[in-house]
Amino acid sequence: MKAQIKITLTLELEADTGTNLFDIGKDLAADIQARYGHKELNLDGYI
């Protein structure tokens, strides 16, 4: 049996003009998925 947990994470990002915060969010999601695996963690559509 698999356990399921829902975690809501809110980040406040501040950057210099010209920095794409959307790309930073996507990179963060990719890093988390790489560490824990796509099967266990699905962030697609939330970033």
N, C-alpha and C. Protein backbone atom coordinates (compact mmCIF):
# COMPACT_ATOMS: atom_id res chain seq x y z
N MET A 1 0.84 -1.18 0.00
CA MET A 1 0.00 0.00 0.00
C MET A 1 0.89 1.24 0.00
N LYS A 2 0.53 2.21 -0.80
CA LYS A 2 1.30 3.44 -0.88
C LYS A 2 0.64 4.52 -0.04
N ALA A 3 1.45 5.32 0.59
CA ALA A 3 0.95 6.46 1.35
C ALA A 3 0.91 7.67 0.44
N GLN A 4 0.03 8.58 0.72
CA GLN A 4 -0.07 9.79 -0.08
C GLN A 4 -0.12 10.99 0.84
N ILE A 5 0.59 12.03 0.44
CA ILE A 5 0.60 13.27 1.21
C ILE A 5 0.57 14.44 0.23
N LYS A 6 -0.13 15.47 0.60
CA LYS A 6 -0.19 16.67 -0.24
C LYS A 6 0.53 17.80 0.48
N ILE A 7 1.50 18.38 -0.20
CA ILE A 7 2.27 19.48 0.36
C ILE A 7 2.07 20.70 -0.52
N THR A 8 1.67 21.77 0.07
CA THR A 8 1.52 23.02 -0.66
C THR A 8 2.68 23.92 -0.27
N LEU A 9 3.42 24.35 -1.27
CA LEU A 9 4.61 25.15 -1.05
C LEU A 9 4.44 26.48 -1.76
N THR A 10 4.59 27.54 -1.03
CA THR A 10 4.52 28.88 -1.59
C THR A 10 5.88 29.52 -1.50
N LEU A 11 6.38 29.98 -2.62
CA LEU A 11 7.67 30.65 -2.66
C LEU A 11 7.47 32.09 -3.09
N GLU A 12 8.16 32.97 -2.42
CA GLU A 12 8.20 34.36 -2.85
C GLU A 12 9.59 34.61 -3.40
N LEU A 13 9.65 34.84 -4.69
CA LEU A 13 10.93 35.04 -5.36
C LEU A 13 11.06 36.50 -5.76
N GLU A 14 12.24 37.03 -5.57
CA GLU A 14 12.54 38.40 -5.97
C GLU A 14 13.81 38.35 -6.80
N ALA A 15 13.79 39.05 -7.91
CA ALA A 15 14.96 38.99 -8.80
C ALA A 15 15.13 40.33 -9.51
N ASP A 16 16.31 40.48 -10.06
CA ASP A 16 16.60 41.68 -10.84
C ASP A 16 15.77 41.69 -12.12
N THR A 17 15.57 42.86 -12.67
CA THR A 17 14.86 43.00 -13.92
C THR A 17 15.53 42.13 -14.99
N GLY A 18 14.71 41.44 -15.76
CA GLY A 18 15.24 40.58 -16.81
C GLY A 18 15.34 39.13 -16.40
N THR A 19 15.19 38.83 -15.11
CA THR A 19 15.22 37.45 -14.65
C THR A 19 13.82 36.87 -14.78
N ASN A 20 13.72 35.72 -15.38
CA ASN A 20 12.42 35.09 -15.58
C ASN A 20 12.10 34.19 -14.38
N LEU A 21 11.21 34.65 -13.52
CA LEU A 21 10.87 33.88 -12.31
C LEU A 21 10.15 32.58 -12.66
N PHE A 22 9.43 32.57 -13.78
CA PHE A 22 8.77 31.34 -14.21
C PHE A 22 9.81 30.25 -14.47
N ASP A 23 10.92 30.63 -15.12
CA ASP A 23 11.99 29.65 -15.39
C ASP A 23 12.62 29.16 -14.09
N ILE A 24 12.78 30.05 -13.11
CA ILE A 24 13.32 29.64 -11.81
C ILE A 24 12.41 28.60 -11.16
N GLY A 25 11.10 28.84 -11.22
CA GLY A 25 10.14 27.88 -10.66
C GLY A 25 10.20 26.54 -11.36
N LYS A 26 10.31 26.56 -12.69
CA LYS A 26 10.41 25.32 -13.45
C LYS A 26 11.70 24.58 -13.12
N ASP A 27 12.79 25.31 -12.97
CA ASP A 27 14.07 24.68 -12.60
C ASP A 27 13.98 24.04 -11.22
N LEU A 28 13.34 24.72 -10.28
CA LEU A 28 13.17 24.17 -8.94
C LEU A 28 12.35 22.89 -8.98
N ALA A 29 11.27 22.90 -9.73
CA ALA A 29 10.44 21.71 -9.86
C ALA A 29 11.23 20.56 -10.47
N ALA A 30 12.04 20.85 -11.49
CA ALA A 30 12.86 19.82 -12.13
C ALA A 30 13.88 19.24 -11.15
N ASP A 31 14.47 20.10 -10.31
CA ASP A 31 15.43 19.62 -9.31
C ASP A 31 14.76 18.68 -8.31
N ILE A 32 13.57 19.04 -7.86
CA ILE A 32 12.85 18.20 -6.90
C ILE A 32 12.48 16.87 -7.54
N GLN A 33 12.00 16.92 -8.78
CA GLN A 33 11.63 15.69 -9.47
C GLN A 33 12.84 14.80 -9.70
N ALA A 34 13.98 15.40 -10.02
CA ALA A 34 15.20 14.62 -10.25
C ALA A 34 15.63 13.90 -8.97
N ARG A 35 15.43 14.56 -7.85
CA ARG A 35 15.84 13.96 -6.58
C ARG A 35 14.89 12.85 -6.12
N TYR A 36 13.59 13.07 -6.28
CA TYR A 36 12.61 12.12 -5.74
C TYR A 36 11.94 11.26 -6.79
N GLY A 37 12.14 11.57 -8.04
CA GLY A 37 11.59 10.74 -9.11
C GLY A 37 10.23 11.22 -9.58
N HIS A 38 10.03 11.10 -10.89
CA HIS A 38 8.78 11.55 -11.49
C HIS A 38 7.57 10.73 -11.04
N LYS A 39 7.80 9.47 -10.72
CA LYS A 39 6.69 8.61 -10.32
C LYS A 39 6.14 9.00 -8.95
N GLU A 40 7.02 9.44 -8.06
CA GLU A 40 6.60 9.76 -6.71
C GLU A 40 6.12 11.21 -6.57
N LEU A 41 6.58 12.06 -7.48
CA LEU A 41 6.29 13.48 -7.32
C LEU A 41 5.89 14.06 -8.66
N ASN A 42 4.72 14.64 -8.74
CA ASN A 42 4.24 15.22 -9.99
C ASN A 42 3.94 16.70 -9.76
N LEU A 43 4.82 17.54 -10.28
CA LEU A 43 4.61 18.98 -10.17
C LEU A 43 4.13 19.59 -11.48
N ASP A 44 4.00 18.77 -12.50
CA ASP A 44 3.59 19.30 -13.80
C ASP A 44 2.23 19.98 -13.68
N GLY A 45 2.12 21.16 -14.24
CA GLY A 45 0.86 21.88 -14.24
C GLY A 45 0.68 22.78 -13.03
N TYR A 46 1.55 22.69 -12.04
CA TYR A 46 1.41 23.51 -10.85
C TYR A 46 2.36 24.70 -10.86
N ILE A 47 3.34 24.66 -11.74
CA ILE A 47 4.31 25.75 -11.81
C ILE A 47 3.98 26.59 -13.02
